[in-house]
Amino acid sequence: MVDLGIQIPSTFDPFAEAKETDAPGAKEYVHIRIQQRNGKKSLTTVQGLKREFSYEKILKDLKKEFCCNGNVVHDKELGKIIQLQGDQRKNVSHFLIQAGLVKKDHIKIHGF
């Protein structure tokens, strides 16, 4: 059989970088991503926060601050992930820095 060297396109995985590490938060980066839903709808995900933090309390403050809905998703490989409605990437990064949860150089913002 002849190898044509054709690559089959696959779906885009926004968590591909995080899967390369051994454990959630292994490189101490907090990844803030945006995922397109349908039409103009989008979803902001925050992944890589330290395990000692109370994700539910952080989510409650984020929801109150930005007037949006959200939830905490438990993933087997990636740990806990915070999801928020809308494009909240800049807002979340400023919130995490001002609250003193993460340093500015430990945040990576992905998307568009």
PDB file of N, CA and C in Angstrom:
ATOM      1  N   MET A   1       0.846  -1.168   0.000  1.00  0.00           N
ATOM      2  CA  MET A   1       0.000   0.000   0.000  1.00  0.00           C
ATOM      3  C   MET A   1       0.895   1.236   0.000  1.00  0.00           C
ATOM      4  N   VAL A   2       0.483   2.280  -0.678  1.00  0.00           N
ATOM      5  CA  VAL A   2       1.258   3.515  -0.810  1.00  0.00           C
ATOM      6  C   VAL A   2       0.795   4.512   0.243  1.00  0.00           C
ATOM      7  N   ASP A   3       1.754   5.110   0.942  1.00  0.00           N
ATOM      8  CA  ASP A   3       1.446   6.130   1.945  1.00  0.00           C
ATOM      9  C   ASP A   3       1.350   7.481   1.255  1.00  0.00           C
ATOM     10  N   LEU A   4       0.175   8.090   1.278  1.00  0.00           N
ATOM     11  CA  LEU A   4      -0.038   9.362   0.585  1.00  0.00           C
ATOM     12  C   LEU A   4       0.314  10.562   1.454  1.00  0.00           C
ATOM     13  N   GLY A   5       0.498  10.365   2.737  1.00  0.00           N
ATOM     14  CA  GLY A   5       0.842  11.467   3.633  1.00  0.00           C
ATOM     15  C   GLY A   5      -0.316  12.424   3.886  1.00  0.00           C
ATOM     16  N   ILE A   6      -1.534  11.920   3.822  1.00  0.00           N
ATOM     17  CA  ILE A   6      -2.697  12.762   4.041  1.00  0.00           C
ATOM     18  C   ILE A   6      -3.036  12.750   5.525  1.00  0.00           C
ATOM     19  N   GLN A   7      -3.247  13.933   6.064  1.00  0.00           N
ATOM     20  CA  GLN A   7      -3.642  14.032   7.463  1.00  0.00           C
ATOM     21  C   GLN A   7      -5.137  14.263   7.545  1.00  0.00           C
ATOM     22  N   ILE A   8      -5.775  13.503   8.396  1.00  0.00           N
ATOM     23  CA  ILE A   8      -7.204  13.645   8.592  1.00  0.00           C
ATOM     24  C   ILE A   8      -7.416  14.724   9.648  1.00  0.00           C
ATOM     25  N   PRO A   9      -8.201  15.773   9.346  1.00  0.00           N
ATOM     26  CA  PRO A   9      -8.409  16.837  10.331  1.00  0.00           C
ATOM     27  C   PRO A   9      -9.217  16.326  11.520  1.00  0.00           C
ATOM     28  N   SER A  10      -8.872  16.809  12.677  1.00  0.00           N
ATOM     29  CA  SER A  10      -9.599  16.414  13.886  1.00  0.00           C
ATOM     30  C   SER A  10     -10.211  17.656  14.513  1.00  0.00           C
ATOM     31  N   THR A  11     -11.073  17.447  15.483  1.00  0.00           N
ATOM     32  CA  THR A  11     -11.715  18.566  16.148  1.00  0.00           C
ATOM     33  C   THR A  11     -10.710  19.285  17.028  1.00  0.00           C
ATOM     34  N   PHE A  12     -10.960  20.558  17.265  1.00  0.00           N
ATOM     35  CA  PHE A  12     -10.079  21.384  18.076  1.00  0.00           C
ATOM     36  C   PHE A  12     -10.317  21.084  19.553  1.00  0.00           C
ATOM     37  N   ASP A  13      -9.241  20.818  20.276  1.00  0.00           N
ATOM     38  CA  ASP A  13      -9.331  20.539  21.699  1.00  0.00           C
ATOM     39  C   ASP A  13      -8.692  21.690  22.465  1.00  0.00           C
ATOM     40  N   PRO A  14      -9.490  22.543  23.156  1.00  0.00           N
ATOM     41  CA  PRO A  14      -8.919  23.687  23.857  1.00  0.00           C
ATOM     42  C   PRO A  14      -8.075  23.291  25.069  1.00  0.00           C
ATOM     43  N   PHE A  15      -8.177  22.043  25.528  1.00  0.00           N
ATOM     44  CA  PHE A  15      -7.413  21.601  26.689  1.00  0.00           C
ATOM     45  C   PHE A  15      -6.203  20.759  26.289  1.00  0.00           C
ATOM     46  N   ALA A  16      -5.785  20.822  25.039  1.00  0.00           N
ATOM     47  CA  ALA A  16      -4.680  19.998  24.560  1.00  0.00           C
ATOM     48  C   ALA A  16      -3.380  20.303  25.305  1.00  0.00           C
ATOM     49  N   GLU A  17      -3.109  21.573  25.585  1.00  0.00           N
ATOM     50  CA  GLU A  17      -1.885  21.930  26.313  1.00  0.00           C
ATOM     51  C   GLU A  17      -1.897  21.364  27.726  1.00  0.00           C
ATOM     52  N   ALA A  18      -3.049  21.395  28.364  1.00  0.00           N
ATOM     53  CA  ALA A  18      -3.141  20.930  29.737  1.00  0.00           C
ATOM     54  C   ALA A  18      -2.959  19.419  29.836  1.00  0.00           C
ATOM     55  N   LYS A  19      -3.322  18.686  28.787  1.00  0.00           N
ATOM     56  CA  LYS A  19      -3.184  17.230  28.819  1.00  0.00           C
ATOM     57  C   LYS A  19      -1.722  16.793  28.726  1.00  0.00           C
ATOM     58  N   GLU A  20      -0.840  17.674  28.253  1.00  0.00           N
ATOM     59  CA  GLU A  20       0.566  17.331  28.126  1.00  0.00           C
ATOM     60  C   GLU A  20       1.252  17.238  29.492  1.00  0.00           C
ATOM     61  N   THR A  21       0.722  17.912  30.479  1.00  0.00           N
ATOM     62  CA  THR A  21       1.319  17.872  31.808  1.00  0.00           C
ATOM     63  C   THR A  21       0.865  16.625  32.551  1.00  0.00           C
ATOM     64  N   ASP A  22       1.563  16.311  33.642  1.00  0.00           N
ATOM     65  CA  ASP A  22       1.246  15.111  34.408  1.00  0.00           C
ATOM     66  C   ASP A  22      -0.014  15.267  35.240  1.00  0.00           C
ATOM     67  N   ALA A  23      -0.167  16.402  35.908  1.00  0.00           N
ATOM     68  CA  ALA A  23      -1.294  16.596  36.809  1.00  0.00           C
ATOM     69  C   ALA A  23      -1.814  18.017  36.667  1.00  0.00           C
ATOM     70  N   PRO A  24      -3.045  18.270  37.116  1.00  0.00           N
ATOM     71  CA  PRO A  24      -3.574  19.621  37.061  1.00  0.00           C
ATOM     72  C   PRO A  24      -2.728  20.561  37.911  1.00  0.00           C
ATOM     73  N   GLY A  25      -2.362  21.687  37.329  1.00  0.00           N
ATOM     74  CA  GLY A  25      -1.567  22.661  38.061  1.00  0.00           C
ATOM     75  C   GLY A  25      -0.118  22.280  38.203  1.00  0.00           C
ATOM     76  N   ALA A  26       0.372  21.331  37.395  1.00  0.00           N
ATOM     77  CA  ALA A  26       1.747  20.860  37.530  1.00  0.00           C
ATOM     78  C   ALA A  26       2.756  21.951  37.180  1.00  0.00           C
ATOM     79  N   LYS A  27       2.428  22.779  36.198  1.00  0.00           N
ATOM     80  CA  LYS A  27       3.330  23.853  35.817  1.00  0.00           C
ATOM     81  C   LYS A  27       2.979  25.162  36.511  1.00  0.00           C
ATOM     82  N   GLU A  28       2.004  25.128  37.408  1.00  0.00           N
ATOM     83  CA  GLU A  28       1.598  26.290  38.178  1.00  0.00           C
ATOM     84  C   GLU A  28       1.037  27.415  37.315  1.00  0.00           C
ATOM     85  N   TYR A  29       0.505  27.104  36.152  1.00  0.00           N
ATOM     86  CA  TYR A  29      -0.159  28.099  35.324  1.00  0.00           C
ATOM     87  C   TYR A  29      -1.661  27.973  35.486  1.00  0.00           C
ATOM     88  N   VAL A  30      -2.341  29.110  35.433  1.00  0.00           N
ATOM     89  CA  VAL A  30      -3.796  29.124  35.399  1.00  0.00           C
ATOM     90  C   VAL A  30      -4.181  29.448  33.965  1.00  0.00           C
ATOM     91  N   HIS A  31      -4.923  28.549  33.333  1.00  0.00           N
ATOM     92  CA  HIS A  31      -5.319  28.713  31.944  1.00  0.00           C
ATOM     93  C   HIS A  31      -6.748  29.241  31.886  1.00  0.00           C
ATOM     94  N   ILE A  32      -6.917  30.376  31.208  1.00  0.00           N
ATOM     95  CA  ILE A  32      -8.240  30.968  31.010  1.00  0.00           C
ATOM     96  C   ILE A  32      -8.539  30.878  29.526  1.00  0.00           C
ATOM     97  N   ARG A  33      -9.587  30.134  29.189  1.00  0.00           N
ATOM     98  CA  ARG A  33      -9.910  29.870  27.785  1.00  0.00           C
ATOM     99  C   ARG A  33     -11.339  30.280  27.477  1.00  0.00           C
ATOM    100  N   ILE A  34     -11.582  30.460  26.198  1.00  0.00           N
ATOM    101  CA  ILE A  34     -12.947  30.713  25.740  1.00  0.00           C
ATOM    102  C   ILE A  34     -13.325  29.590  24.777  1.00  0.00           C
ATOM    103  N   GLN A  35     -14.544  29.115  24.916  1.00  0.00           N
ATOM    104  CA  GLN A  35     -15.067  28.084  24.019  1.00  0.00           C
ATOM    105  C   GLN A  35     -16.316  28.631  23.357  1.00  0.00           C
ATOM    106  N   GLN A  36     -16.379  28.505  22.041  1.00  0.00           N
ATOM    107  CA  GLN A  36     -17.547  28.960  21.295  1.00  0.00           C
ATOM    108  C   GLN A  36     -18.649  27.922  21.421  1.00  0.00           C
ATOM    109  N   ARG A  37     -19.832  28.363  21.760  1.00  0.00           N
ATOM    110  CA  ARG A  37     -20.963  27.449  21.833  1.00  0.00           C
ATOM    111  C   ARG A  37     -21.717  27.475  20.516  1.00  0.00           C
ATOM    112  N   ASN A  38     -22.850  28.115  20.461  1.00  0.00           N
ATOM    113  CA  ASN A  38     -23.593  28.209  19.202  1.00  0.00           C
ATOM    114  C   ASN A  38     -23.912  29.681  18.938  1.00  0.00           C
ATOM    115  N   GLY A  39     -23.642  30.113  17.722  1.00  0.00           N
ATOM    116  CA  GLY A  39     -23.893  31.502  17.373  1.00  0.00           C
ATOM    117  C   GLY A  39     -22.949  32.446  18.111  1.00  0.00           C
ATOM    118  N   LYS A  40     -23.519  33.406  18.813  1.00  0.00           N
ATOM    119  CA  LYS A  40     -22.709  34.384  19.548  1.00  0.00           C
ATOM    120  C   LYS A  40     -22.411  33.933  20.972  1.00  0.00           C
ATOM    121  N   LYS A  41     -22.948  32.819  21.379  1.00  0.00           N
ATOM    122  CA  LYS A  41     -22.781  32.343  22.756  1.00  0.00           C
ATOM    123  C   LYS A  41     -21.372  31.790  22.961  1.00  0.00           C
ATOM    124  N   SER A  42     -20.798  32.081  24.121  1.00  0.00           N
ATOM    125  CA  SER A  42     -19.468  31.564  24.433  1.00  0.00           C
ATOM    126  C   SER A  42     -19.390  31.182  25.904  1.00  0.00           C
ATOM    127  N   LEU A  43     -18.319  30.483  26.233  1.00  0.00           N
ATOM    128  CA  LEU A  43     -18.118  29.942  27.566  1.00  0.00           C
ATOM    129  C   LEU A  43     -16.672  30.193  27.965  1.00  0.00           C
ATOM    130  N   THR A  44     -16.444  30.726  29.152  1.00  0.00           N
ATOM    131  CA  THR A  44     -15.091  30.955  29.646  1.00  0.00           C
ATOM    132  C   THR A  44     -14.760  29.873  30.667  1.00  0.00           C
ATOM    133  N   THR A  45     -13.597  29.238  30.510  1.00  0.00           N
ATOM    134  CA  THR A  45     -13.175  28.206  31.444  1.00  0.00           C
ATOM    135  C   THR A  45     -11.899  28.626  32.144  1.00  0.00           C
ATOM    136  N   VAL A  46     -11.823  28.344  33.439  1.00  0.00           N
ATOM    137  CA  VAL A  46     -10.651  28.643  34.256  1.00  0.00           C
ATOM    138  C   VAL A  46     -10.157  27.313  34.807  1.00  0.00           C
ATOM    139  N   GLN A  47      -8.917  26.958  34.479  1.00  0.00           N
ATOM    140  CA  GLN A  47      -8.370  25.660  34.863  1.00  0.00           C
ATOM    141  C   GLN A  47      -6.954  25.836  35.378  1.00  0.00           C
ATOM    142  N   GLY A  48      -6.602  25.117  36.434  1.00  0.00           N
ATOM    143  CA  GLY A  48      -5.241  25.142  36.940  1.00  0.00           C
ATOM    144  C   GLY A  48      -5.076  25.862  38.255  1.00  0.00           C
ATOM    145  N   LEU A  49      -6.181  26.255  38.895  1.00  0.00           N
ATOM    146  CA  LEU A  49      -6.054  26.870  40.218  1.00  0.00           C
ATOM    147  C   LEU A  49      -5.583  25.825  41.227  1.00  0.00           C
ATOM    148  N   LYS A  50      -4.986  26.270  42.305  1.00  0.00           N
ATOM    149  CA  LYS A  50      -4.488  25.342  43.312  1.00  0.00           C
ATOM    150  C   LYS A  50      -5.638  24.571  43.945  1.00  0.00           C
ATOM    151  N   ARG A  51      -5.362  23.369  44.349  1.00  0.00           N
ATOM    152  CA  ARG A  51      -6.408  22.498  44.902  1.00  0.00           C
ATOM    153  C   ARG A  51      -6.884  22.957  46.270  1.00  0.00           C
ATOM    154  N   GLU A  52      -6.052  23.733  46.979  1.00  0.00           N
ATOM    155  CA  GLU A  52      -6.436  24.181  48.324  1.00  0.00           C
ATOM    156  C   GLU A  52      -7.575  25.188  48.293  1.00  0.00           C
ATOM    157  N   PHE A  53      -7.740  25.889  47.162  1.00  0.00           N
ATOM    158  CA  PHE A  53      -8.764  26.923  47.061  1.00  0.00           C
ATOM    159  C   PHE A  53     -10.150  26.298  47.038  1.00  0.00           C
ATOM    160  N   SER A  54     -11.107  27.038  47.586  1.00  0.00           N
ATOM    161  CA  SER A  54     -12.499  26.618  47.524  1.00  0.00           C
ATOM    162  C   SER A  54     -13.083  27.125  46.204  1.00  0.00           C
ATOM    163  N   TYR A  55     -13.233  26.226  45.252  1.00  0.00           N
ATOM    164  CA  TYR A  55     -13.703  26.602  43.925  1.00  0.00           C
ATOM    165  C   TYR A  55     -15.112  27.178  43.974  1.00  0.00           C
ATOM    166  N   GLU A  56     -15.938  26.664  44.871  1.00  0.00           N
ATOM    167  CA  GLU A  56     -17.309  27.134  44.968  1.00  0.00           C
ATOM    168  C   GLU A  56     -17.357  28.583  45.448  1.00  0.00           C
ATOM    169  N   LYS A  57     -16.490  28.968  46.392  1.00  0.00           N
ATOM    170  CA  LYS A  57     -16.470  30.349  46.879  1.00  0.00           C
ATOM    171  C   LYS A  57     -15.926  31.295  45.808  1.00  0.00           C
ATOM    172  N   ILE A  58     -14.904  30.858  45.075  1.00  0.00           N
ATOM    173  CA  ILE A  58     -14.364  31.680  43.990  1.00  0.00           C
ATOM    174  C   ILE A  58     -15.438  31.877  42.926  1.00  0.00           C
ATOM    175  N   LEU A  59     -16.147  30.801  42.594  1.00  0.00           N
ATOM    176  CA  LEU A  59     -17.214  30.879  41.593  1.00  0.00           C
ATOM    177  C   LEU A  59     -18.314  31.829  42.050  1.00  0.00           C
ATOM    178  N   LYS A  60     -18.677  31.757  43.303  1.00  0.00           N
ATOM    179  CA  LYS A  60     -19.731  32.630  43.831  1.00  0.00           C
ATOM    180  C   LYS A  60     -19.336  34.092  43.687  1.00  0.00           C
ATOM    181  N   ASP A  61     -18.079  34.426  44.012  1.00  0.00           N
ATOM    182  CA  ASP A  61     -17.608  35.796  43.879  1.00  0.00           C
ATOM    183  C   ASP A  61     -17.532  36.232  42.417  1.00  0.00           C
ATOM    184  N   LEU A  62     -17.083  35.335  41.538  1.00  0.00           N
ATOM    185  CA  LEU A  62     -17.016  35.655  40.115  1.00  0.00           C
ATOM    186  C   LEU A  62     -18.409  35.929  39.545  1.00  0.00           C
ATOM    187  N   LYS A  63     -19.374  35.091  39.909  1.00  0.00           N
ATOM    188  CA  LYS A  63     -20.728  35.258  39.410  1.00  0.00           C
ATOM    189  C   LYS A  63     -21.328  36.572  39.889  1.00  0.00           C
ATOM    190  N   LYS A  64     -21.069  36.907  41.150  1.00  0.00           N
ATOM    191  CA  LYS A  64     -21.609  38.149  41.706  1.00  0.00           C
ATOM    192  C   LYS A  64     -20.936  39.371  41.089  1.00  0.00           C
ATOM    193  N   GLU A  65     -19.630  39.290  40.860  1.00  0.00           N
ATOM    194  CA  GLU A  65     -18.857  40.412  40.315  1.00  0.00           C
ATOM    195  C   GLU A  65     -19.213  40.706  38.867  1.00  0.00           C
ATOM    196  N   PHE A  66     -19.378  39.671  38.044  1.00  0.00           N
ATOM    197  CA  PHE A  66     -19.564  39.866  36.607  1.00  0.00           C
ATOM    198  C   PHE A  66     -20.997  39.670  36.139  1.00  0.00           C
ATOM    199  N   CYS A  67     -21.921  39.417  37.056  1.00  0.00           N
ATOM    200  CA  CYS A  67     -23.341  39.245  36.720  1.00  0.00           C
ATOM    201  C   CYS A  67     -23.543  38.195  35.623  1.00  0.00           C
ATOM    202  N   CYS A  68     -22.964  37.021  35.840  1.00  0.00           N
ATOM    203  CA  CYS A  68     -23.132  35.930  34.878  1.00  0.00           C
ATOM    204  C   CYS A  68     -23.328  34.636  35.655  1.00  0.00           C
ATOM    205  N   ASN A  69     -23.733  33.613  34.955  1.00  0.00           N
ATOM    206  CA  ASN A  69     -23.930  32.315  35.581  1.00  0.00           C
ATOM    207  C   ASN A  69     -22.696  31.451  35.350  1.00  0.00           C
ATOM    208  N   GLY A  70     -22.542  30.411  36.161  1.00  0.00           N
ATOM    209  CA  GLY A  70     -21.404  29.521  36.001  1.00  0.00           C
ATOM    210  C   GLY A  70     -21.531  28.305  36.886  1.00  0.00           C
ATOM    211  N   ASN A  71     -20.576  27.384  36.737  1.00  0.00           N
ATOM    212  CA  ASN A  71     -20.552  26.190  37.571  1.00  0.00           C
ATOM    213  C   ASN A  71     -19.141  25.622  37.624  1.00  0.00           C
ATOM    214  N   VAL A  72     -18.943  24.661  38.524  1.00  0.00           N
ATOM    215  CA  VAL A  72     -17.671  23.965  38.663  1.00  0.00           C
ATOM    216  C   VAL A  72     -17.847  22.567  38.087  1.00  0.00           C
ATOM    217  N   VAL A  73     -16.976  22.210  37.128  1.00  0.00           N
ATOM    218  CA  VAL A  73     -17.032  20.911  36.471  1.00  0.00           C
ATOM    219  C   VAL A  73     -15.882  20.064  37.000  1.00  0.00           C
ATOM    220  N   HIS A  74     -16.155  18.822  37.364  1.00  0.00           N
ATOM    221  CA  HIS A  74     -15.127  17.896  37.838  1.00  0.00           C
ATOM    222  C   HIS A  74     -14.704  17.003  36.678  1.00  0.00           C
ATOM    223  N   ASP A  75     -13.440  17.117  36.272  1.00  0.00           N
ATOM    224  CA  ASP A  75     -12.900  16.315  35.180  1.00  0.00           C
ATOM    225  C   ASP A  75     -11.904  15.331  35.761  1.00  0.00           C
ATOM    226  N   LYS A  76     -11.911  14.093  35.268  1.00  0.00           N
ATOM    227  CA  LYS A  76     -11.003  13.071  35.799  1.00  0.00           C
ATOM    228  C   LYS A  76      -9.550  13.413  35.536  1.00  0.00           C
ATOM    229  N   GLU A  77      -9.238  13.923  34.341  1.00  0.00           N
ATOM    230  CA  GLU A  77      -7.853  14.210  33.980  1.00  0.00           C
ATOM    231  C   GLU A  77      -7.409  15.597  34.419  1.00  0.00           C
ATOM    232  N   LEU A  78      -8.281  16.590  34.293  1.00  0.00           N
ATOM    233  CA  LEU A  78      -7.888  17.983  34.501  1.00  0.00           C
ATOM    234  C   LEU A  78      -8.245  18.528  35.868  1.00  0.00           C
ATOM    235  N   GLY A  79      -8.971  17.787  36.674  1.00  0.00           N
ATOM    236  CA  GLY A  79      -9.361  18.274  37.989  1.00  0.00           C
ATOM    237  C   GLY A  79     -10.609  19.136  37.896  1.00  0.00           C
ATOM    238  N   LYS A  80     -10.684  20.150  38.756  1.00  0.00           N
ATOM    239  CA  LYS A  80     -11.845  21.033  38.772  1.00  0.00           C
ATOM    240  C   LYS A  80     -11.637  22.179  37.783  1.00  0.00           C
ATOM    241  N   ILE A  81     -12.698  22.498  37.060  1.00  0.00           N
ATOM    242  CA  ILE A  81     -12.677  23.576  36.077  1.00  0.00           C
ATOM    243  C   ILE A  81     -13.867  24.485  36.353  1.00  0.00           C
ATOM    244  N   ILE A  82     -13.618  25.787  36.393  1.00  0.00           N
ATOM    245  CA  ILE A  82     -14.689  26.767  36.572  1.00  0.00           C
ATOM    246  C   ILE A  82     -15.158  27.201  35.188  1.00  0.00           C
ATOM    247  N   GLN A  83     -16.473  27.157  34.977  1.00  0.00           N
ATOM    248  CA  GLN A  83     -17.056  27.610  33.717  1.00  0.00           C
ATOM    249  C   GLN A  83     -17.943  28.809  33.981  1.00  0.00           C
ATOM    250  N   LEU A  84     -17.819  29.834  33.137  1.00  0.00           N
ATOM    251  CA  LEU A  84     -18.643  31.038  33.240  1.00  0.00           C
ATOM    252  C   LEU A  84     -19.271  31.334  31.891  1.00  0.00           C
ATOM    253  N   GLN A  85     -20.469  31.923  31.915  1.00  0.00           N
ATOM    254  CA  GLN A  85     -21.128  32.303  30.667  1.00  0.00           C
ATOM    255  C   GLN A  85     -20.488  33.556  30.110  1.00  0.00           C
ATOM    256  N   GLY A  86     -20.341  33.601  28.792  1.00  0.00           N
ATOM    257  CA  GLY A  86     -19.835  34.787  28.121  1.00  0.00           C
ATOM    258  C   GLY A  86     -18.321  34.834  28.078  1.00  0.00           C
ATOM    259  N   ASP A  87     -17.798  35.870  27.425  1.00  0.00           N
ATOM    260  CA  ASP A  87     -16.358  36.077  27.315  1.00  0.00           C
ATOM    261  C   ASP A  87     -15.892  36.887  28.515  1.00  0.00           C
ATOM    262  N   GLN A  88     -15.405  36.210  29.541  1.00  0.00           N
ATOM    263  CA  GLN A  88     -14.984  36.848  30.785  1.00  0.00           C
ATOM    264  C   GLN A  88     -13.482  36.720  31.006  1.00  0.00           C
ATOM    265  N   ARG A  89     -12.707  36.494  29.963  1.00  0.00           N
ATOM    266  CA  ARG A  89     -11.270  36.222  30.118  1.00  0.00           C
ATOM    267  C   ARG A  89     -10.535  37.349  30.821  1.00  0.00           C
ATOM    268  N   LYS A  90     -10.685  38.571  30.330  1.00  0.00           N
ATOM    269  CA  LYS A  90      -9.983  39.721  30.937  1.00  0.00           C
ATOM    270  C   LYS A  90     -10.476  39.964  32.352  1.00  0.00           C
ATOM    271  N   ASN A  91     -11.790  39.894  32.550  1.00  0.00           N
ATOM    272  CA  ASN A  91     -12.367  40.131  33.876  1.00  0.00           C
ATOM    273  C   ASN A  91     -11.848  39.120  34.895  1.00  0.00           C
ATOM    274  N   VAL A  92     -11.809  37.849  34.505  1.00  0.00           N
ATOM    275  CA  VAL A  92     -11.353  36.804  35.428  1.00  0.00           C
ATOM    276  C   VAL A  92      -9.884  36.992  35.767  1.00  0.00           C
ATOM    277  N   SER A  93      -9.064  37.328  34.776  1.00  0.00           N
ATOM    278  CA  SER A  93      -7.639  37.517  35.056  1.00  0.00           C
ATOM    279  C   SER A  93      -7.425  38.679  36.016  1.00  0.00           C
ATOM    280  N   HIS A  94      -8.131  39.805  35.810  1.00  0.00           N
ATOM    281  CA  HIS A  94      -8.002  40.933  36.725  1.00  0.00           C
ATOM    282  C   HIS A  94      -8.491  40.571  38.123  1.00  0.00           C
ATOM    283  N   PHE A  95      -9.586  39.808  38.201  1.00  0.00           N
ATOM    284  CA  PHE A  95     -10.135  39.405  39.493  1.00  0.00           C
ATOM    285  C   PHE A  95      -9.144  38.527  40.262  1.00  0.00           C
ATOM    286  N   LEU A  96      -8.551  37.541  39.581  1.00  0.00           N
ATOM    287  CA  LEU A  96      -7.622  36.626  40.251  1.00  0.00           C
ATOM    288  C   LEU A  96      -6.370  37.356  40.742  1.00  0.00           C
ATOM    289  N   ILE A  97      -5.915  38.345  39.967  1.00  0.00           N
ATOM    290  CA  ILE A  97      -4.730  39.110  40.368  1.00  0.00           C
ATOM    291  C   ILE A  97      -5.062  40.012  41.550  1.00  0.00           C
ATOM    292  N   GLN A  98      -6.201  40.710  41.493  1.00  0.00           N
ATOM    293  CA  GLN A  98      -6.579  41.622  42.573  1.00  0.00           C
ATOM    294  C   GLN A  98      -6.882  40.879  43.869  1.00  0.00           C
ATOM    295  N   ALA A  99      -7.435  39.683  43.759  1.00  0.00           N
ATOM    296  CA  ALA A  99      -7.749  38.895  44.955  1.00  0.00           C
ATOM    297  C   ALA A  99      -6.492  38.262  45.553  1.00  0.00           C
ATOM    298  N   GLY A 100      -5.398  38.284  44.813  1.00  0.00           N
ATOM    299  CA  GLY A 100      -4.152  37.712  45.306  1.00  0.00           C
ATOM    300  C   GLY A 100      -4.085  36.203  45.202  1.00  0.00           C
ATOM    301  N   LEU A 101      -4.935  35.616  44.380  1.00  0.00           N
ATOM    302  CA  LEU A 101      -4.941  34.164  44.220  1.00  0.00           C
ATOM    303  C   LEU A 101      -3.823  33.697  43.301  1.00  0.00           C
ATOM    304  N   VAL A 102      -3.507  34.505  42.277  1.00  0.00           N
ATOM    305  CA  VAL A 102      -2.527  34.128  41.272  1.00  0.00           C
ATOM    306  C   VAL A 102      -1.705  35.367  40.907  1.00  0.00           C
ATOM    307  N   LYS A 103      -0.422  35.158  40.610  1.00  0.00           N
ATOM    308  CA  LYS A 103       0.407  36.250  40.115  1.00  0.00           C
ATOM    309  C   LYS A 103       0.161  36.428  38.629  1.00  0.00           C
ATOM    310  N   LYS A 104       0.433  37.633  38.143  1.00  0.00           N
ATOM    311  CA  LYS A 104       0.141  37.955  36.743  1.00  0.00           C
ATOM    312  C   LYS A 104       0.931  37.085  35.774  1.00  0.00           C
ATOM    313  N   ASP A 105       2.178  36.747  36.105  1.00  0.00           N
ATOM    314  CA  ASP A 105       2.992  35.953  35.184  1.00  0.00           C
ATOM    315  C   ASP A 105       2.644  34.465  35.199  1.00  0.00           C
ATOM    316  N   HIS A 106       1.684  34.055  36.052  1.00  0.00           N
ATOM    317  CA  HIS A 106       1.254  32.659  36.099  1.00  0.00           C
ATOM    318  C   HIS A 106      -0.092  32.442  35.408  1.00  0.00           C
ATOM    319  N   ILE A 107      -0.577  33.471  34.694  1.00  0.00           N
ATOM    320  CA  ILE A 107      -1.855  33.361  33.992  1.00  0.00           C
ATOM    321  C   ILE A 107      -1.603  33.304  32.495  1.00  0.00           C
ATOM    322  N   LYS A 108      -2.245  32.357  31.827  1.00  0.00           N
ATOM    323  CA  LYS A 108      -2.207  32.263  30.370  1.00  0.00           C
ATOM    324  C   LYS A 108      -3.622  32.393  29.853  1.00  0.00           C
ATOM    325  N   ILE A 109      -3.834  33.383  28.965  1.00  0.00           N
ATOM    326  CA  ILE A 109      -5.146  33.601  28.381  1.00  0.00           C
ATOM    327  C   ILE A 109      -5.118  33.060  26.956  1.00  0.00           C
ATOM    328  N   HIS A 110      -6.060  32.191  26.638  1.00  0.00           N
ATOM    329  CA  HIS A 110      -6.121  31.537  25.328  1.00  0.00           C
ATOM    330  C   HIS A 110      -7.383  31.975  24.589  1.00  0.00           C
ATOM    331  N   GLY A 111      -7.370  31.851  23.277  1.00  0.00           N
ATOM    332  CA  GLY A 111      -8.562  32.062  22.481  1.00  0.00           C
ATOM    333  C   GLY A 111      -8.478  33.251  21.563  1.00  0.00           C
ATOM    334  N   PHE A 112      -9.187  33.154  20.483  1.00  0.00           N
ATOM    335  CA  PHE A 112      -9.307  34.165  19.430  1.00  0.00           C
ATOM    336  C   PHE A 112      -8.014  34.909  19.259  1.00  0.00           C
TER     337      PHE A 112
END
